[in-house]
Structure formats: structure tokens, C-alpha cells
Amino acid sequence: MALLLLAPQLSMSQVHPADGVQAEIRSFLSEFITAFDNLDWEKFRNAFADDATVFYPRDMANRANGRAEIEQHFKRVFEQIRGGRSSRESGALR
């Protein structure tokens, strides 16, 4: 009987760490998107680890490996946005 009474408490205690992780992920993503929306280069670039990998499903047939390759691509994206050009106006991002 005691085991049955503890079962709901055990399952409830396991939910909270996942909630904390999800909240942390949501916070990170919110900050990342805000940095992109505001064209805040330093905050945006610092969201990537030095050994990150980014896949570009539309722009490129490849992927970017590491911060330097990621920055090379996104610097052009930021410049195009700042220049008032969208990818439709200037063709595919290269």
C-alpha cells in the first residue's frame, strides 16, 4: 500500500526537471530569435559553439562546420537584411 501512495509523487517529481530544461531551451531560443530579429551580431554569433554544425536546407547543398563557417554565411545574411534586400530581391543567398 505504501508503494502505491509513493508512485504519484515519484512520477510528479520527474516532471519538474524536464520542465526546467524546456524552460531553459525556450529562453535560449527566444534570445536567439530576438538577436536575429534585432540584427544583434554579437549575441547571435555567441549562440553558436566553436564546434557547432549548421545545415542550410535551402541556401546551400552543404553544411557549415564550426563558428568561422557559420559566421561567414550569416554575416552576408545580416548585411543583406541591413541593406534592405531580401533573398527574393537579390536572388538566392550565396
Protein backbone atom coordinates (compact mmCIF):
# COMPACT_ATOMS: atom_id res chain seq x y z
CA MET A 1 0.00 0.00 0.00
CA ALA A 2 2.81 2.45 0.81
CA LEU A 3 4.36 1.82 -2.59
CA LEU A 4 1.12 2.82 -4.31
CA LEU A 5 0.99 6.05 -2.34
CA LEU A 6 4.53 6.97 -3.36
CA ALA A 7 4.08 6.24 -7.06
CA PRO A 8 2.27 9.52 -7.90
CA GLN A 9 4.89 11.51 -6.01
CA LEU A 10 7.73 9.83 -7.92
CA SER A 11 6.18 10.50 -11.30
CA MET A 12 5.41 14.12 -10.38
CA SER A 13 8.97 14.76 -9.19
CA GLN A 14 10.35 13.53 -12.52
CA VAL A 15 8.29 16.07 -14.49
CA HIS A 16 9.85 19.15 -12.90
CA PRO A 17 13.43 18.70 -14.15
CA ALA A 18 12.14 18.30 -17.70
CA ASP A 19 10.05 21.44 -17.26
CA GLY A 20 13.17 23.31 -16.17
CA VAL A 21 15.11 22.10 -19.18
CA GLN A 22 12.27 23.05 -21.52
CA ALA A 23 12.07 26.49 -19.95
CA GLU A 24 15.82 26.92 -20.42
CA ILE A 25 15.56 25.86 -24.07
CA ARG A 26 12.65 28.23 -24.67
CA SER A 27 14.57 31.08 -23.07
CA PHE A 28 17.65 30.37 -25.21
CA LEU A 29 15.59 30.17 -28.40
CA SER A 30 13.78 33.38 -27.54
CA GLU A 31 17.09 35.19 -27.01
CA PHE A 32 18.49 33.69 -30.23
CA ILE A 33 15.50 34.77 -32.31
CA THR A 34 15.49 38.22 -30.72
CA ALA A 35 19.19 38.61 -31.53
CA PHE A 36 18.49 37.70 -35.16
CA ASP A 37 15.42 39.94 -35.38
CA ASN A 38 17.41 42.86 -33.95
CA LEU A 39 20.46 42.04 -36.07
CA ASP A 40 22.50 41.91 -32.87
CA TRP A 41 25.56 40.25 -34.36
CA GLU A 42 27.46 39.62 -31.12
CA LYS A 43 24.56 37.97 -29.33
CA PHE A 44 23.65 35.98 -32.44
CA ARG A 45 27.18 34.69 -33.10
CA ASN A 46 27.74 33.82 -29.45
CA ALA A 47 24.76 31.46 -29.58
CA PHE A 48 26.93 29.02 -31.55
CA ALA A 49 29.60 26.83 -30.01
CA ASP A 50 33.01 26.84 -31.67
CA ASP A 51 32.35 23.31 -32.95
CA ALA A 52 28.71 23.83 -34.00
CA THR A 53 27.31 22.50 -37.26
CA VAL A 54 24.55 24.23 -39.22
CA PHE A 55 22.66 22.66 -42.10
CA TYR A 56 21.27 25.00 -44.76
CA PRO A 57 18.28 23.28 -46.35
CA ARG A 58 17.52 26.00 -48.94
CA ASP A 59 20.62 28.06 -49.49
CA MET A 60 23.38 25.53 -49.73
CA ALA A 61 23.80 21.91 -50.52
CA ASN A 62 26.31 21.63 -47.70
CA ARG A 63 26.62 22.50 -44.10
CA ALA A 64 28.77 24.88 -42.12
CA ASN A 65 31.19 23.30 -39.68
CA GLY A 66 32.45 25.49 -36.87
CA ARG A 67 31.89 29.06 -35.85
CA ALA A 68 34.03 30.55 -38.64
CA GLU A 69 31.98 28.94 -41.45
CA ILE A 70 28.70 29.77 -39.72
CA GLU A 71 29.75 33.39 -39.27
CA GLN A 72 30.87 33.65 -42.88
CA HIS A 73 27.38 32.76 -44.09
CA PHE A 74 25.38 34.74 -41.55
CA LYS A 75 27.47 37.89 -41.93
CA ARG A 76 26.25 38.02 -45.52
CA VAL A 77 22.68 37.40 -44.38
CA PHE A 78 22.89 40.24 -41.84
CA GLU A 79 24.45 42.56 -44.45
CA GLN A 80 21.68 41.80 -46.93
CA ILE A 81 18.99 42.44 -44.34
CA ARG A 82 20.64 45.66 -43.22
CA GLY A 83 20.90 46.73 -46.85
CA GLY A 84 17.16 46.29 -47.24
CA ARG A 85 17.49 43.39 -49.62
CA SER A 86 15.58 40.19 -49.13
CA SER A 87 16.64 36.91 -50.65
CA ARG A 88 13.83 37.36 -53.21
CA GLU A 89 15.20 40.73 -54.31
CA SER A 90 18.83 39.66 -54.56
CA GLY A 91 18.41 36.05 -55.61
CA ALA A 92 19.39 33.08 -53.50
CA LEU A 93 21.82 33.80 -50.69
CA ARG A 94 25.28 32.67 -51.62
